[in-house]
Amino acid sequence: MIGDRLAWLLSAQMGREKLALLVLCALTIDVLAAHLSWRLFYAGTGHRLVTTLARSVAGHGLAQVARVLYYAGIPFAVLWRGGLNAQVGVTTAYVDEWESGGFLQLLGLNDAQAMDRVTTGVAVALGTLCLLIAVWVWYARAVPGIGVDPVLIPWWTALREAILVQMLWALYRGFVATLTTDPVSVALVSLALITLGWTLNPWRRHLLFTSRGVLVVRDWICALFTAFSSLMIHALWWMIVMHTLWIWVSGRVLARLSRPSLGAPGAGQ
């Protein structure tokens, strides 16, 4: 019995049941890891030796490796088996089966509609960036005292985070796409899965009501924009580019909006 289950798990076929199991495991790992780190670093219930090791350079490195394996490892394995082709624009399952245009297939630029998709992608990117700036202008006025340091990050860090989260979100969309062919339902249900994991995360609930709550708001805006963009764009690389821009632009806009005006009392002191 166990051997049959193991053979099923390791088989090349990526059916609905296997994707459902992977999504359930991904959500469970996310929630358990968040609660464990909360108990170690905030609740103060962790053993001193374990806490010290986790805060060391080695512990930080292991945590980053675990993040990569979690966010990108599981989706990449599914992609390699052909389970997320529709979400990333790949029309074949295995790399060694690709034709000479395999790289163009990955980018979604291998047919006559490629230019239309590029135009749509650019339009969506510009539209979401304009909407994002408008949201942050409103947010800066509604929530005074925004912290700048936590959101001002370099582009390479934004790119790394975009790659990780977009890979995981593509897994969610790929699973939901096996349940329904309605693109709106796929976008909304995948957004609900993302929100569910974040709602059960004690760190996010805590940060939302602190000066770093802007990070939680920023991440949810990125998830919302991803759900909207996925209705028109199915190339994962373009979603990563847009997500990188959303994070990078958010930091710059918030940094500018939170600066005291030159004419404000005490601004030059």
Protein backbone atom coordinates (compact mmCIF):
# COMPACT_ATOMS: atom_id res chain seq x y z
CA MET A 1 0.00 0.00 0.00
CA ILE A 2 2.75 2.43 0.95
CA GLY A 3 4.73 1.40 -2.11
CA ASP A 4 1.77 2.13 -4.37
CA ARG A 5 1.31 5.57 -2.82
CA LEU A 6 5.00 6.33 -3.20
CA ALA A 7 4.94 5.20 -6.83
CA TRP A 8 1.95 7.47 -7.42
CA LEU A 9 3.70 10.44 -5.84
CA LEU A 10 6.85 9.92 -7.93
CA SER A 11 5.03 9.26 -11.19
CA ALA A 12 5.34 11.77 -14.04
CA GLN A 13 1.61 12.38 -14.28
CA MET A 14 0.44 15.56 -12.52
CA GLY A 15 -3.26 15.06 -11.98
CA ARG A 16 -5.77 17.05 -9.97
CA GLU A 17 -5.35 14.93 -6.84
CA LYS A 18 -1.58 15.29 -6.77
CA LEU A 19 -1.75 19.05 -7.30
CA ALA A 20 -4.34 19.32 -4.53
CA LEU A 21 -2.05 17.43 -2.17
CA LEU A 22 0.90 19.67 -3.06
CA VAL A 23 -1.13 22.85 -2.52
CA LEU A 24 -2.39 21.54 0.83
CA CYS A 25 1.18 20.68 1.86
CA ALA A 26 2.43 24.11 0.76
CA LEU A 27 -0.22 25.92 2.80
CA THR A 28 0.37 23.70 5.81
CA ILE A 29 4.16 24.19 5.69
CA ASP A 30 3.70 27.95 5.41
CA VAL A 31 1.40 28.15 8.42
CA LEU A 32 3.46 25.79 10.59
CA ALA A 33 6.74 27.57 9.77
CA ALA A 34 5.19 30.95 10.56
CA HIS A 35 3.87 29.77 13.93
CA LEU A 36 7.18 28.09 14.79
CA SER A 37 9.21 31.22 14.03
CA TRP A 38 6.67 33.31 15.96
CA ARG A 39 7.12 31.17 19.06
CA LEU A 40 10.92 31.25 18.74
CA PHE A 41 11.45 34.94 18.06
CA TYR A 42 8.45 36.82 19.40
CA ALA A 43 6.60 34.75 21.97
CA GLY A 44 9.89 33.87 23.65
CA THR A 45 9.00 30.25 24.23
CA GLY A 46 11.87 28.78 22.23
CA HIS A 47 15.02 27.30 23.76
CA ARG A 48 17.84 29.87 24.03
CA LEU A 49 20.29 27.69 22.07
CA VAL A 50 17.80 27.14 19.24
CA THR A 51 16.98 30.85 19.13
CA THR A 52 20.65 31.83 19.04
CA LEU A 53 21.38 29.35 16.25
CA ALA A 54 18.40 30.58 14.22
CA ARG A 55 19.61 34.20 14.54
CA SER A 56 23.17 33.36 13.49
CA VAL A 57 24.58 33.74 9.98
CA ALA A 58 24.32 29.99 9.44
CA GLY A 59 20.75 29.97 10.67
CA HIS A 60 19.86 32.85 8.36
CA GLY A 61 21.45 31.04 5.43
CA LEU A 62 19.53 27.85 6.17
CA ALA A 63 16.33 29.85 6.41
CA GLN A 64 16.95 31.37 2.97
CA VAL A 65 17.65 27.94 1.47
CA ALA A 66 14.43 26.66 3.01
CA ARG A 67 12.54 29.60 1.51
CA VAL A 68 13.91 28.84 -1.95
CA LEU A 69 13.02 25.15 -1.64
CA TYR A 70 9.53 26.02 -0.45
CA TYR A 71 8.61 28.85 -2.80
CA ALA A 72 10.41 27.69 -5.95
CA GLY A 73 11.29 24.03 -5.40
CA ILE A 74 7.77 22.59 -5.30
CA PRO A 75 6.45 24.66 -8.25
CA PHE A 76 9.58 23.93 -10.31
CA ALA A 77 9.13 20.20 -9.77
CA VAL A 78 5.52 20.49 -10.91
CA LEU A 79 6.55 22.59 -13.90
CA TRP A 80 9.17 20.03 -14.84
CA ARG A 81 6.41 17.41 -14.88
CA GLY A 82 4.23 19.61 -17.09
CA GLY A 83 1.66 20.50 -14.43
CA LEU A 84 1.83 24.30 -14.78
CA ASN A 85 2.26 24.69 -18.52
CA ALA A 86 -0.81 26.87 -18.95
CA GLN A 87 0.33 29.22 -16.22
CA VAL A 88 3.82 29.87 -17.59
CA GLY A 89 3.21 29.62 -21.33
CA VAL A 90 5.15 26.38 -21.88
CA THR A 91 3.53 23.96 -24.33
CA THR A 92 5.72 20.92 -23.60
CA ALA A 93 6.43 19.06 -20.38
CA TYR A 94 10.12 18.18 -20.47
CA VAL A 95 13.06 20.30 -21.53
CA ASP A 96 14.63 17.53 -23.60
CA GLU A 97 11.44 17.30 -25.66
CA TRP A 98 11.51 20.93 -26.70
CA GLU A 99 12.05 21.88 -30.31
CA SER A 100 14.48 24.58 -31.38
CA GLY A 101 11.97 27.23 -30.31
CA GLY A 102 11.80 25.98 -26.75
CA PHE A 103 13.16 29.18 -25.24
CA LEU A 104 10.64 31.25 -27.18
CA GLN A 105 7.93 28.87 -25.95
CA LEU A 106 8.99 29.60 -22.39
CA LEU A 107 8.68 33.33 -23.06
CA GLY A 108 5.38 32.89 -24.88
CA LEU A 109 6.77 34.48 -28.07
CA ASN A 110 6.67 31.55 -30.46
CA ASP A 111 3.52 32.26 -32.49
CA ALA A 112 1.74 34.95 -34.48
CA GLN A 113 -0.09 36.32 -31.42
CA ALA A 114 3.18 37.01 -29.59
CA MET A 115 3.19 40.74 -30.35
CA ASP A 116 -0.39 41.08 -29.11
CA ARG A 117 0.60 39.41 -25.84
CA VAL A 118 3.62 41.70 -25.46
CA THR A 119 1.44 44.76 -26.09
CA THR A 120 -1.12 43.52 -23.58
CA GLY A 121 1.61 42.85 -21.04
CA VAL A 122 3.08 46.33 -21.39
CA ALA A 123 -0.38 47.91 -21.11
CA VAL A 124 -1.19 45.90 -17.97
CA ALA A 125 2.19 46.74 -16.44
CA LEU A 126 1.77 50.47 -17.04
CA GLY A 127 -1.83 50.41 -15.84
CA THR A 128 -1.06 48.58 -12.61
CA LEU A 129 1.92 50.84 -11.90
CA CYS A 130 -0.24 53.95 -12.27
CA LEU A 131 -2.91 52.41 -10.04
CA LEU A 132 -0.24 51.40 -7.51
CA ILE A 133 1.11 54.95 -7.29
CA ALA A 134 -2.43 56.26 -6.78
CA VAL A 135 -3.01 53.72 -3.98
CA TRP A 136 0.19 54.73 -2.20
CA VAL A 137 -0.64 58.45 -2.48
CA TRP A 138 -3.95 57.73 -0.78
CA TYR A 139 -2.33 55.40 1.77
CA ALA A 140 0.32 57.98 2.72
CA ARG A 141 -2.41 60.50 3.47
CA ALA A 142 -4.64 58.02 5.30
CA VAL A 143 -1.86 56.43 7.39
CA PRO A 144 0.64 59.09 8.51
CA GLY A 145 4.09 58.16 9.76
CA ILE A 146 4.91 55.44 7.21
CA GLY A 147 8.25 53.80 7.87
CA VAL A 148 10.66 54.12 4.93
CA ASP A 149 13.49 51.69 5.71
CA PRO A 150 11.43 48.46 5.68
CA VAL A 151 10.06 49.08 2.15
CA LEU A 152 13.02 50.69 0.35
CA ILE A 153 14.76 47.66 -1.17
CA PRO A 154 17.15 47.28 -4.15
CA TRP A 155 15.90 45.91 -7.44
CA TRP A 156 17.78 42.60 -7.11
CA THR A 157 16.06 41.88 -3.80
CA ALA A 158 12.73 42.76 -5.37
CA LEU A 159 13.52 40.41 -8.27
CA ARG A 160 14.39 37.55 -5.90
CA GLU A 161 11.16 37.96 -3.94
CA ALA A 162 9.14 38.23 -7.15
CA ILE A 163 10.57 34.99 -8.50
CA LEU A 164 9.84 33.11 -5.28
CA VAL A 165 6.28 34.23 -4.69
CA GLN A 166 5.20 34.16 -8.34
CA MET A 167 6.38 30.57 -8.66
CA LEU A 168 4.23 29.57 -5.69
CA TRP A 169 1.22 31.57 -6.91
CA ALA A 170 1.52 29.91 -10.32
CA LEU A 171 1.19 26.58 -8.49
CA TYR A 172 -2.05 27.76 -6.90
CA ARG A 173 -3.45 28.93 -10.24
CA GLY A 174 -2.37 25.70 -11.90
CA PHE A 175 -4.25 23.66 -9.31
CA VAL A 176 -7.41 25.76 -9.48
CA ALA A 177 -7.31 25.53 -13.29
CA THR A 178 -7.81 21.77 -12.95
CA LEU A 179 -11.11 22.44 -11.14
CA THR A 180 -12.60 25.05 -13.46
CA THR A 181 -11.94 26.55 -16.87
CA ASP A 182 -13.35 29.96 -15.92
CA PRO A 183 -10.35 32.34 -15.74
CA VAL A 184 -12.13 34.65 -13.28
CA SER A 185 -12.76 31.76 -10.89
CA VAL A 186 -9.12 30.67 -11.22
CA ALA A 187 -7.93 34.17 -10.34
CA LEU A 188 -10.30 34.62 -7.39
CA VAL A 189 -9.81 31.17 -5.85
CA SER A 190 -6.01 31.41 -6.12
CA LEU A 191 -6.19 34.85 -4.47
CA ALA A 192 -8.33 33.29 -1.71
CA LEU A 193 -5.69 30.59 -1.15
CA ILE A 194 -2.99 33.25 -0.84
CA THR A 195 -5.12 35.27 1.56
CA LEU A 196 -5.92 32.19 3.65
CA GLY A 197 -2.24 31.45 4.22
CA TRP A 198 -1.53 35.03 5.16
CA THR A 199 -4.54 35.27 7.49
CA LEU A 200 -3.24 32.28 9.47
CA ASN A 201 0.25 33.83 9.67
CA PRO A 202 0.77 35.46 13.12
CA TRP A 203 3.62 37.62 11.81
CA ARG A 204 1.43 39.27 9.20
CA ARG A 205 -1.40 39.84 11.65
CA HIS A 206 1.03 41.47 14.06
CA LEU A 207 2.86 43.61 11.49
CA LEU A 208 -0.40 44.91 10.03
CA PHE A 209 -0.96 47.06 13.13
CA THR A 210 2.62 48.32 13.44
CA SER A 211 4.73 50.84 11.53
CA ARG A 212 5.68 48.01 9.13
CA GLY A 213 2.09 47.27 8.25
CA VAL A 214 2.81 48.84 4.87
CA LEU A 215 4.68 45.64 3.97
CA VAL A 216 1.56 43.55 4.52
CA VAL A 217 -0.51 46.00 2.47
CA ARG A 218 2.10 45.99 -0.30
CA ASP A 219 2.16 42.19 -0.52
CA TRP A 220 -1.62 41.95 -0.69
CA ILE A 221 -1.75 44.59 -3.42
CA CYS A 222 0.79 42.54 -5.39
CA ALA A 223 -1.38 39.43 -4.93
CA LEU A 224 -4.47 41.36 -6.06
CA PHE A 225 -2.69 42.77 -9.12
CA THR A 226 -1.37 39.28 -9.93
CA ALA A 227 -4.90 37.85 -9.87
CA PHE A 228 -6.07 40.63 -12.19
CA SER A 229 -3.08 40.33 -14.54
CA SER A 230 -3.43 36.55 -14.78
CA LEU A 231 -6.71 37.07 -16.65
CA MET A 232 -4.74 38.51 -19.57
CA ILE A 233 -1.15 37.27 -19.16
CA HIS A 234 -0.06 33.63 -18.89
CA ALA A 235 3.72 34.09 -19.12
CA LEU A 236 5.32 33.62 -15.71
CA TRP A 237 8.41 35.62 -16.65
CA TRP A 238 6.28 38.68 -17.37
CA MET A 239 4.44 38.30 -14.06
CA ILE A 240 7.84 38.24 -12.35
CA VAL A 241 8.91 41.42 -14.14
CA MET A 242 5.73 43.21 -13.10
CA HIS A 243 5.98 41.99 -9.50
CA THR A 244 9.56 43.25 -9.33
CA LEU A 245 8.42 46.66 -10.54
CA TRP A 246 5.55 46.73 -8.06
CA ILE A 247 7.87 46.10 -5.10
CA TRP A 248 10.65 48.40 -6.30
CA VAL A 249 8.35 51.27 -7.26
CA SER A 250 6.41 50.93 -3.99
CA GLY A 251 9.56 51.55 -1.97
CA ARG A 252 10.55 54.60 -4.00
CA VAL A 253 7.09 56.15 -3.99
CA LEU A 254 6.59 55.62 -0.26
CA ALA A 255 10.05 56.99 0.47
CA ARG A 256 9.22 60.16 -1.45
CA LEU A 257 5.75 60.54 0.04
CA SER A 258 6.99 60.12 3.61
CA ARG A 259 9.65 62.84 3.33
CA PRO A 260 8.75 66.01 5.27
CA SER A 261 8.06 68.92 2.95
CA LEU A 262 10.66 71.67 2.91
CA GLY A 263 8.14 74.20 4.10
CA ALA A 264 6.92 72.16 7.02
CA PRO A 265 7.75 73.34 10.53
CA GLY A 266 10.95 71.74 11.73
CA ALA A 267 11.70 70.22 8.31
CA GLY A 268 15.11 71.84 8.14
CA GLN A 269 16.07 71.09 11.74
